C-alpha cells in the first residue's frame, strides 16, 4: 500500500517547471511523470493544454 502511495505522489509532483518569454507572449510548462501542463499567454489571450504522456505511452 505504501509503495502505491509513493508511486502516485512521484507521478503527480512536477519534476520540471519552465517559463519562457517569447516576442509575442509567454509560455509556462510544468511536467510530471503522469501529466504535462502548458499555458500560453499571447496578446491578452490565454490558452492551456493538459496532456497525459504516460498514459499515451502505455496505449501504444
Protein backbone atom coordinates (compact mmCIF):
# COMPACT_ATOMS: atom_id res chain seq x y z
CA UNK A 1 0.00 0.00 0.00
CA UNK A 2 2.75 2.49 0.92
CA UNK A 3 4.60 1.84 -2.34
CA UNK A 4 1.43 2.66 -4.32
CA UNK A 5 1.04 5.98 -2.49
CA UNK A 6 4.70 6.79 -3.11
CA UNK A 7 4.36 5.93 -6.81
CA UNK A 8 1.26 8.12 -7.09
CA UNK A 9 3.00 11.03 -5.34
CA UNK A 10 6.04 10.74 -7.61
CA UNK A 11 3.78 10.72 -10.65
CA UNK A 12 1.83 13.82 -9.61
CA UNK A 13 4.61 16.10 -8.33
CA UNK A 14 6.22 18.18 -11.12
CA UNK A 15 9.87 17.45 -11.77
CA UNK A 16 10.38 20.45 -14.02
CA UNK A 17 8.81 23.89 -14.30
CA UNK A 18 9.84 26.10 -17.19
CA UNK A 19 8.94 29.69 -18.08
CA UNK A 20 9.75 31.13 -21.47
CA UNK A 21 9.33 34.64 -22.77
CA UNK A 22 8.69 34.98 -26.49
CA UNK A 23 8.36 38.06 -28.65
CA UNK A 24 4.54 37.84 -28.70
CA UNK A 25 3.82 36.23 -25.32
CA UNK A 26 4.87 33.81 -22.62
CA UNK A 27 4.81 30.04 -22.15
CA UNK A 28 4.68 28.18 -18.84
CA UNK A 29 5.26 24.40 -18.80
CA UNK A 30 5.10 22.05 -15.83
CA UNK A 31 5.99 18.38 -16.31
CA UNK A 32 5.42 15.39 -14.08
CA UNK A 33 5.64 11.68 -14.73
CA UNK A 34 1.88 11.32 -15.36
CA UNK A 35 0.99 14.74 -16.80
CA UNK A 36 2.19 17.85 -18.62
CA UNK A 37 0.59 21.32 -18.45
CA UNK A 38 1.38 24.07 -20.94
CA UNK A 39 -0.11 27.55 -20.56
CA UNK A 40 0.37 30.19 -23.27
CA UNK A 41 -0.31 33.92 -22.98
CA UNK A 42 -0.33 35.90 -26.21
CA UNK A 43 -1.60 39.46 -26.53
CA UNK A 44 -4.10 39.19 -23.70
CA UNK A 45 -5.34 35.70 -24.64
CA UNK A 46 -4.63 32.64 -22.53
CA UNK A 47 -4.78 29.01 -23.61
CA UNK A 48 -3.73 25.82 -21.91
CA UNK A 49 -3.14 22.17 -22.75
CA UNK A 50 -3.12 19.31 -20.27
CA UNK A 51 -1.73 16.05 -21.60
CA UNK A 52 -1.11 12.66 -20.07
CA UNK A 53 2.05 11.40 -21.80
CA UNK A 54 2.49 8.39 -19.52
CA UNK A 55 -0.99 7.10 -20.40
CA UNK A 56 -0.47 7.86 -24.08
CA UNK A 57 2.78 5.88 -23.95
CA UNK A 58 1.02 2.88 -22.37
CA UNK A 59 -1.67 2.92 -25.08
CA UNK A 60 0.95 2.48 -27.82
